[in-house]
């Protein structure tokens, strides 16, 4: 007696399924979304101030803005795309990010905006943010 296996409509043949899956994956091409520029930070707290170091390479200091509102600090920078004089320029590769980058962070104490200092040298922004005199913690004597 011979046993013959009949194809079922509920179980696809393995080679058909594999081929369809392979063809689907070949047509799909994943392109990562363009990343927005990021501003990496280092924040150090001292007794009377904060020192914030931000890496913002390739910028003009006119394109960097720092806003201080109490304990909140916001750094924004605009990365501009270079303009080429010649019209026959072809990009072989363009991996640079352009647009606005910003970082907002909140500190433990309010900042004295009148004494705050910002310096930008060699792609590094350094903020010296003194704490407000009234913002220091006071010790309460328990009676």
N, C-alpha and C. Protein backbone atom coordinates (compact mmCIF):
# COMPACT_ATOMS: atom_id res chain seq x y z
N UNK A 1 0.82 -1.17 0.00
CA UNK A 1 0.00 0.00 0.00
C UNK A 1 0.88 1.25 0.00
N UNK A 2 0.62 2.17 -0.88
CA UNK A 2 1.39 3.40 -0.98
C UNK A 2 0.63 4.54 -0.29
N UNK A 3 1.39 5.35 0.47
CA UNK A 3 0.78 6.52 1.13
C UNK A 3 1.23 7.76 0.36
N UNK A 4 0.28 8.53 -0.06
CA UNK A 4 0.57 9.75 -0.80
C UNK A 4 0.13 10.95 0.03
N UNK A 5 1.03 11.90 0.16
CA UNK A 5 0.72 13.11 0.93
C UNK A 5 0.13 14.15 -0.01
N UNK A 6 -1.04 14.58 0.31
CA UNK A 6 -1.70 15.60 -0.50
C UNK A 6 -1.38 16.98 0.07
N UNK A 7 -1.15 17.97 -0.79
CA UNK A 7 -0.87 19.32 -0.26
C UNK A 7 -2.11 19.88 0.43
N UNK A 8 -1.87 20.51 1.53
CA UNK A 8 -2.96 21.12 2.28
C UNK A 8 -2.99 22.61 1.98
N UNK A 9 -4.17 23.19 1.99
CA UNK A 9 -4.24 24.63 1.71
C UNK A 9 -3.86 25.44 2.95
N UNK A 10 -3.73 24.79 4.11
CA UNK A 10 -3.38 25.51 5.32
C UNK A 10 -1.89 25.48 5.62
N UNK A 11 -1.15 24.58 5.02
CA UNK A 11 0.29 24.51 5.26
C UNK A 11 1.00 24.79 3.94
N UNK A 12 1.59 25.95 3.80
CA UNK A 12 2.28 26.26 2.55
C UNK A 12 3.52 25.40 2.39
N UNK A 13 3.88 25.18 1.16
CA UNK A 13 5.09 24.43 0.89
C UNK A 13 6.28 25.24 1.40
N UNK A 14 7.28 24.60 2.01
CA UNK A 14 8.39 25.34 2.61
C UNK A 14 9.15 26.21 1.61
N UNK A 15 9.44 25.71 0.43
CA UNK A 15 10.24 26.50 -0.50
C UNK A 15 9.47 27.73 -0.99
N UNK A 16 8.15 27.64 -1.10
CA UNK A 16 7.37 28.81 -1.52
C UNK A 16 7.41 29.91 -0.46
N UNK A 17 7.27 29.52 0.79
CA UNK A 17 7.29 30.49 1.88
C UNK A 17 8.67 31.13 1.98
N UNK A 18 9.74 30.32 1.92
CA UNK A 18 11.09 30.85 2.01
C UNK A 18 11.38 31.82 0.88
N UNK A 19 10.98 31.45 -0.34
CA UNK A 19 11.23 32.35 -1.47
C UNK A 19 10.49 33.67 -1.32
N UNK A 20 9.25 33.60 -0.87
CA UNK A 20 8.48 34.83 -0.69
C UNK A 20 9.13 35.70 0.39
N UNK A 21 9.59 35.09 1.47
CA UNK A 21 10.23 35.84 2.55
C UNK A 21 11.53 36.48 2.07
N UNK A 22 12.34 35.72 1.33
CA UNK A 22 13.59 36.26 0.80
C UNK A 22 13.32 37.43 -0.15
N UNK A 23 12.36 37.28 -1.03
CA UNK A 23 12.05 38.35 -1.97
C UNK A 23 11.56 39.60 -1.24
N UNK A 24 10.77 39.41 -0.20
CA UNK A 24 10.30 40.56 0.57
C UNK A 24 11.47 41.29 1.20
N UNK A 25 12.41 40.57 1.78
CA UNK A 25 13.54 41.20 2.46
C UNK A 25 14.50 41.85 1.47
N UNK A 26 14.60 41.36 0.26
CA UNK A 26 15.49 41.98 -0.72
C UNK A 26 14.96 43.33 -1.18
N UNK A 27 13.65 43.47 -1.26
CA UNK A 27 13.09 44.73 -1.72
C UNK A 27 13.12 45.81 -0.65
N UNK A 28 13.19 45.40 0.58
CA UNK A 28 13.17 46.34 1.68
C UNK A 28 14.57 46.89 1.91
N UNK A 29 14.70 48.20 1.92
CA UNK A 29 16.00 48.82 2.20
C UNK A 29 15.81 49.83 3.30
N UNK A 30 16.45 49.59 4.42
CA UNK A 30 16.31 50.47 5.57
C UNK A 30 17.33 51.59 5.49
N UNK A 31 16.85 52.80 5.52
CA UNK A 31 17.72 53.98 5.55
C UNK A 31 17.51 54.66 6.89
N UNK A 32 18.57 54.89 7.66
CA UNK A 32 18.37 55.56 8.94
C UNK A 32 17.93 57.00 8.71
N UNK A 33 17.09 57.47 9.60
CA UNK A 33 16.63 58.86 9.52
C UNK A 33 17.82 59.79 9.81
N UNK A 34 17.87 60.93 9.15
CA UNK A 34 18.98 61.84 9.44
C UNK A 34 18.93 62.28 10.90
N UNK A 35 20.07 62.21 11.52
CA UNK A 35 20.14 62.55 12.93
C UNK A 35 20.24 64.05 13.11
N UNK A 36 19.58 64.53 14.15
CA UNK A 36 19.73 65.94 14.49
C UNK A 36 21.02 66.08 15.27
N UNK A 37 21.69 67.20 15.11
CA UNK A 37 22.94 67.39 15.84
C UNK A 37 22.71 67.32 17.35
N UNK A 38 23.63 66.75 18.06
CA UNK A 38 23.55 66.65 19.51
C UNK A 38 24.65 67.49 20.14
N UNK A 39 24.38 67.97 21.34
CA UNK A 39 25.38 68.73 22.10
C UNK A 39 25.73 67.91 23.34
N UNK A 40 26.90 67.28 23.36
CA UNK A 40 27.30 66.53 24.55
C UNK A 40 27.74 67.49 25.66
N UNK A 41 27.38 67.15 26.90
CA UNK A 41 27.64 68.02 28.05
C UNK A 41 28.44 67.32 29.14
N UNK A 42 29.14 68.15 29.91
CA UNK A 42 29.72 67.72 31.19
C UNK A 42 29.38 68.83 32.18
N UNK A 43 28.75 68.46 33.30
CA UNK A 43 28.34 69.44 34.30
C UNK A 43 29.02 69.08 35.61
N UNK A 44 29.76 70.04 36.18
CA UNK A 44 30.47 69.83 37.43
C UNK A 44 29.94 70.85 38.44
N UNK A 45 29.62 70.37 39.65
CA UNK A 45 29.15 71.27 40.70
C UNK A 45 30.26 71.52 41.70
N UNK A 46 30.44 72.79 42.05
CA UNK A 46 31.38 73.20 43.10
C UNK A 46 30.56 73.83 44.21
N UNK A 47 31.21 74.25 45.27
CA UNK A 47 30.48 74.84 46.39
C UNK A 47 29.72 76.10 45.98
N UNK A 48 30.33 76.93 45.14
CA UNK A 48 29.72 78.23 44.82
C UNK A 48 29.31 78.39 43.36
N UNK A 49 29.55 77.38 42.52
CA UNK A 49 29.22 77.54 41.09
C UNK A 49 29.10 76.19 40.40
N UNK A 50 28.67 76.26 39.14
CA UNK A 50 28.63 75.11 38.24
C UNK A 50 29.56 75.42 37.07
N UNK A 51 30.25 74.38 36.59
CA UNK A 51 31.05 74.50 35.38
C UNK A 51 30.43 73.55 34.35
N UNK A 52 29.96 74.11 33.24
CA UNK A 52 29.34 73.32 32.18
C UNK A 52 30.25 73.36 30.97
N UNK A 53 30.60 72.19 30.45
CA UNK A 53 31.43 72.09 29.25
C UNK A 53 30.60 71.40 28.18
N UNK A 54 30.48 72.05 27.02
CA UNK A 54 29.68 71.51 25.92
C UNK A 54 30.54 71.43 24.66
N UNK A 55 30.52 70.30 24.00
CA UNK A 55 31.25 70.14 22.75
C UNK A 55 30.39 70.58 21.58
N UNK A 56 30.76 71.70 20.96
CA UNK A 56 30.01 72.22 19.81
C UNK A 56 31.03 72.58 18.72
N UNK A 57 31.59 71.59 18.04
CA UNK A 57 32.66 71.88 17.07
C UNK A 57 32.13 72.52 15.79
N UNK A 58 33.01 73.30 15.16
CA UNK A 58 32.72 73.87 13.85
C UNK A 58 31.71 74.99 13.84
N UNK A 59 31.55 75.67 14.94
CA UNK A 59 30.55 76.74 15.03
C UNK A 59 31.24 78.10 15.14
N UNK A 60 30.49 79.13 14.78
CA UNK A 60 30.90 80.50 15.10
C UNK A 60 30.21 80.86 16.40
N UNK A 61 30.89 81.66 17.22
CA UNK A 61 30.28 81.97 18.51
C UNK A 61 29.01 82.79 18.37
N UNK A 62 28.81 83.43 17.22
CA UNK A 62 27.57 84.18 16.98
C UNK A 62 26.38 83.24 16.81
N UNK A 63 26.63 81.98 16.46
CA UNK A 63 25.56 81.00 16.23
C UNK A 63 25.22 80.19 17.48
N UNK A 64 25.85 80.50 18.61
CA UNK A 64 25.59 79.79 19.86
C UNK A 64 24.87 80.74 20.81
N UNK A 65 23.79 80.26 21.41
CA UNK A 65 23.00 81.09 22.33
C UNK A 65 22.80 80.32 23.64
N UNK A 66 22.96 81.04 24.75
CA UNK A 66 22.76 80.46 26.08
C UNK A 66 21.71 81.29 26.80
N UNK A 67 20.68 80.62 27.30
CA UNK A 67 19.63 81.29 28.07
C UNK A 67 19.59 80.68 29.46
N UNK A 68 19.51 81.56 30.47
CA UNK A 68 19.45 81.12 31.87
C UNK A 68 18.16 81.66 32.47
N UNK A 69 17.37 80.77 33.04
CA UNK A 69 16.13 81.17 33.68
C UNK A 69 16.04 80.45 35.02
N UNK A 70 16.52 81.11 36.07
CA UNK A 70 16.51 80.50 37.40
C UNK A 70 17.48 79.33 37.46
N UNK A 71 16.94 78.12 37.58
CA UNK A 71 17.77 76.91 37.63
C UNK A 71 17.91 76.25 36.28
N UNK A 72 17.15 76.71 35.30
CA UNK A 72 17.14 76.07 33.99
C UNK A 72 18.09 76.79 33.02
N UNK A 73 18.87 76.00 32.29
CA UNK A 73 19.83 76.53 31.32
C UNK A 73 19.53 75.87 29.97
N UNK A 74 19.51 76.69 28.92
CA UNK A 74 19.28 76.16 27.57
C UNK A 74 20.41 76.65 26.66
N UNK A 75 21.04 75.69 25.98
CA UNK A 75 22.08 75.99 25.00
C UNK A 75 21.53 75.63 23.63
N UNK A 76 21.57 76.57 22.69
CA UNK A 76 21.13 76.30 21.32
C UNK A 76 22.24 76.70 20.36
N UNK A 77 22.34 75.97 19.27
CA UNK A 77 23.34 76.25 18.25
C UNK A 77 22.73 75.94 16.89
N UNK A 78 23.12 76.73 15.90
CA UNK A 78 22.63 76.49 14.55
C UNK A 78 23.79 76.05 13.67
N UNK A 79 23.67 74.82 13.19
CA UNK A 79 24.66 74.28 12.26
C UNK A 79 24.21 74.67 10.86
N UNK A 80 25.02 75.47 10.19
CA UNK A 80 24.66 75.94 8.85
C UNK A 80 25.39 75.12 7.79
N UNK A 81 24.68 74.85 6.72
CA UNK A 81 25.26 74.12 5.60
C UNK A 81 26.19 75.05 4.83
N UNK A 82 27.40 74.61 4.50
CA UNK A 82 28.31 75.48 3.76
C UNK A 82 27.76 75.81 2.37
N UNK A 83 28.00 77.02 1.95
CA UNK A 83 27.57 77.46 0.62
C UNK A 83 28.80 77.48 -0.29
N UNK A 84 28.67 76.84 -1.44
CA UNK A 84 29.78 76.77 -2.37
C UNK A 84 29.55 77.76 -3.51
N UNK A 85 30.60 78.45 -3.87
CA UNK A 85 30.51 79.48 -4.91
C UNK A 85 30.25 78.88 -6.29
N UNK A 86 30.92 77.79 -6.59
CA UNK A 86 30.78 77.18 -7.92
C UNK A 86 29.48 76.40 -8.02
N UNK A 87 28.93 76.35 -9.22
CA UNK A 87 27.67 75.66 -9.43
C UNK A 87 27.86 74.20 -9.82
N UNK A 88 29.08 73.80 -10.20
CA UNK A 88 29.30 72.43 -10.66
C UNK A 88 29.79 71.51 -9.54
N UNK A 89 29.35 71.77 -8.31
CA UNK A 89 29.76 70.96 -7.17
C UNK A 89 28.88 69.72 -7.08
N UNK A 90 29.51 68.55 -6.93
CA UNK A 90 28.81 67.29 -6.72
C UNK A 90 29.23 66.73 -5.38
N UNK A 91 28.29 66.39 -4.55
CA UNK A 91 28.60 65.78 -3.26
C UNK A 91 28.83 64.29 -3.47
N UNK A 92 29.99 63.81 -3.08
CA UNK A 92 30.28 62.39 -3.14
C UNK A 92 29.79 61.70 -1.87
N UNK A 93 29.81 62.43 -0.78
CA UNK A 93 29.30 61.94 0.50
C UNK A 93 28.99 63.16 1.36
N UNK A 94 27.85 63.15 2.01
CA UNK A 94 27.46 64.26 2.88
C UNK A 94 26.88 63.69 4.16
N UNK A 95 27.71 63.55 5.18
CA UNK A 95 27.28 62.97 6.44
C UNK A 95 27.16 64.02 7.54
N UNK A 96 27.35 65.26 7.21
CA UNK A 96 27.26 66.32 8.21
C UNK A 96 25.80 66.65 8.49
N UNK A 97 25.53 66.97 9.75
CA UNK A 97 24.17 67.34 10.14
C UNK A 97 24.04 68.85 10.13
N UNK A 98 22.87 69.31 9.72
CA UNK A 98 22.61 70.74 9.68
C UNK A 98 21.28 71.01 10.37
N UNK A 99 21.16 72.18 10.91
CA UNK A 99 19.93 72.56 11.57
C UNK A 99 20.22 73.05 12.98
N UNK A 100 19.19 73.02 13.81
CA UNK A 100 19.33 73.49 15.18
C UNK A 100 19.59 72.33 16.12
N UNK A 101 20.45 72.58 17.10
CA UNK A 101 20.69 71.63 18.16
C UNK A 101 20.47 72.37 19.47
N UNK A 102 19.91 71.70 20.44
CA UNK A 102 19.70 72.36 21.73
C UNK A 102 19.78 71.35 22.85
N UNK A 103 20.14 71.83 24.02
CA UNK A 103 20.15 71.05 25.25
C UNK A 103 19.56 71.92 26.35
N UNK A 104 18.68 71.35 27.11
CA UNK A 104 18.09 72.03 28.25
C UNK A 104 18.33 71.16 29.47
N UNK A 105 18.79 71.78 30.55
CA UNK A 105 19.00 71.03 31.79
C UNK A 105 18.68 71.93 32.97
N UNK A 106 18.37 71.29 34.08
CA UNK A 106 18.01 72.00 35.30
C UNK A 106 19.05 71.70 36.37
N UNK A 107 19.52 72.76 37.01
CA UNK A 107 20.53 72.64 38.05
C UNK A 107 19.86 72.62 39.43
N UNK A 108 20.62 72.27 40.44
CA UNK A 108 20.08 72.17 41.79
C UNK A 108 19.81 73.52 42.44
N UNK A 109 20.56 74.54 42.06
CA UNK A 109 20.40 75.88 42.63
C UNK A 109 20.21 76.89 41.51
N UNK A 110 19.62 78.03 41.85
CA UNK A 110 19.46 79.10 40.86
C UNK A 110 20.82 79.69 40.52
N UNK A 111 20.93 80.18 39.29
CA UNK A 111 22.18 80.73 38.79
C UNK A 111 22.13 82.25 38.85
N UNK A 112 23.23 82.84 39.27
CA UNK A 112 23.36 84.30 39.27
C UNK A 112 23.72 84.73 37.85
N UNK A 113 22.71 85.15 37.09
CA UNK A 113 22.91 85.48 35.67
C UNK A 113 23.87 86.65 35.47
N UNK A 114 23.95 87.56 36.44
CA UNK A 114 24.81 88.74 36.27
C UNK A 114 26.29 88.38 36.32
N UNK A 115 26.62 87.27 36.97
CA UNK A 115 28.03 86.87 37.09
C UNK A 115 28.40 85.68 36.21
N UNK A 116 27.45 85.18 35.42
CA UNK A 116 27.70 84.02 34.56
C UNK A 116 28.63 84.41 33.42
N UNK A 117 29.52 83.47 33.04
CA UNK A 117 30.50 83.71 31.99
C UNK A 117 30.44 82.56 31.00
N UNK A 118 30.48 82.91 29.69
CA UNK A 118 30.49 81.90 28.63
C UNK A 118 31.70 82.13 27.73
N UNK A 119 32.49 81.08 27.50
CA UNK A 119 33.67 81.17 26.62
C UNK A 119 33.58 80.04 25.60
N UNK A 120 33.93 80.36 24.36
CA UNK A 120 33.94 79.37 23.29
C UNK A 120 35.32 79.36 22.64
N UNK A 121 36.06 78.27 22.84
CA UNK A 121 37.42 78.15 22.31
C UNK A 121 37.58 76.76 21.72
N UNK A 122 38.04 76.67 20.48
CA UNK A 122 38.37 75.41 19.80
C UNK A 122 37.22 74.40 19.85
N UNK A 123 36.01 74.86 19.62
CA UNK A 123 34.87 73.97 19.55
C UNK A 123 34.29 73.55 20.89
N UNK A 124 34.77 74.15 21.97
CA UNK A 124 34.29 73.80 23.31
C UNK A 124 33.71 75.04 23.97
N UNK A 125 32.45 74.96 24.37
CA UNK A 125 31.79 76.04 25.10
C UNK A 125 31.91 75.73 26.58
N UNK A 126 32.44 76.68 27.35
CA UNK A 126 32.58 76.53 28.79
C UNK A 126 31.76 77.61 29.48
N UNK A 127 30.83 77.18 30.31
CA UNK A 127 29.99 78.10 31.07
C UNK A 127 30.39 78.03 32.53
N UNK A 128 30.63 79.18 33.13
CA UNK A 128 30.84 79.28 34.57
C UNK A 128 29.60 79.94 35.13
N UNK A 129 28.84 79.17 35.90
CA UNK A 129 27.53 79.63 36.38
C UNK A 129 27.55 79.69 37.90
N UNK A 130 27.77 80.89 38.46
CA UNK A 130 27.77 81.02 39.93
C UNK A 130 26.38 80.82 40.51
N UNK A 131 26.33 80.22 41.67
CA UNK A 131 25.07 80.02 42.37
C UNK A 131 24.67 81.34 43.03
N UNK A 132 23.36 81.57 43.13
CA UNK A 132 22.88 82.75 43.84
C UNK A 132 23.25 82.63 45.32
N UNK A 133 23.61 83.75 45.92
CA UNK A 133 24.03 83.73 47.32
C UNK A 133 22.90 83.24 48.22
N UNK A 134 21.67 83.60 47.89
CA UNK A 134 20.54 83.19 48.73
C UNK A 134 20.13 81.74 48.47
N UNK A 135 20.71 81.12 47.47
CA UNK A 135 20.33 79.77 47.12
C UNK A 135 21.06 78.71 47.93
N UNK A 136 22.07 79.11 48.72
CA UNK A 136 22.81 78.11 49.50
C UNK A 136 21.92 77.56 50.61
N UNK A 137 22.08 76.30 50.87
CA UNK A 137 21.28 75.66 51.92
C UNK A 137 21.71 76.16 53.28
N UNK A 138 20.74 76.34 54.13
CA UNK A 138 21.03 76.78 55.50
C UNK A 138 20.68 75.66 56.45
N UNK A 139 21.44 75.56 57.52
CA UNK A 139 21.19 74.54 58.52
C UNK A 139 20.21 75.08 59.54
N UNK A 140 19.18 74.30 59.77
CA UNK A 140 18.15 74.70 60.73
C UNK A 140 18.45 74.02 62.06
N UNK A 141 18.48 74.83 63.12
CA UNK A 141 18.76 74.30 64.45
C UNK A 141 17.46 73.78 65.04
N UNK A 142 17.49 72.55 65.47
CA UNK A 142 16.31 71.91 66.06
C UNK A 142 16.26 72.28 67.54
N UNK A 143 15.12 72.77 68.01
CA UNK A 143 14.98 73.17 69.43
C UNK A 143 14.20 72.14 70.20
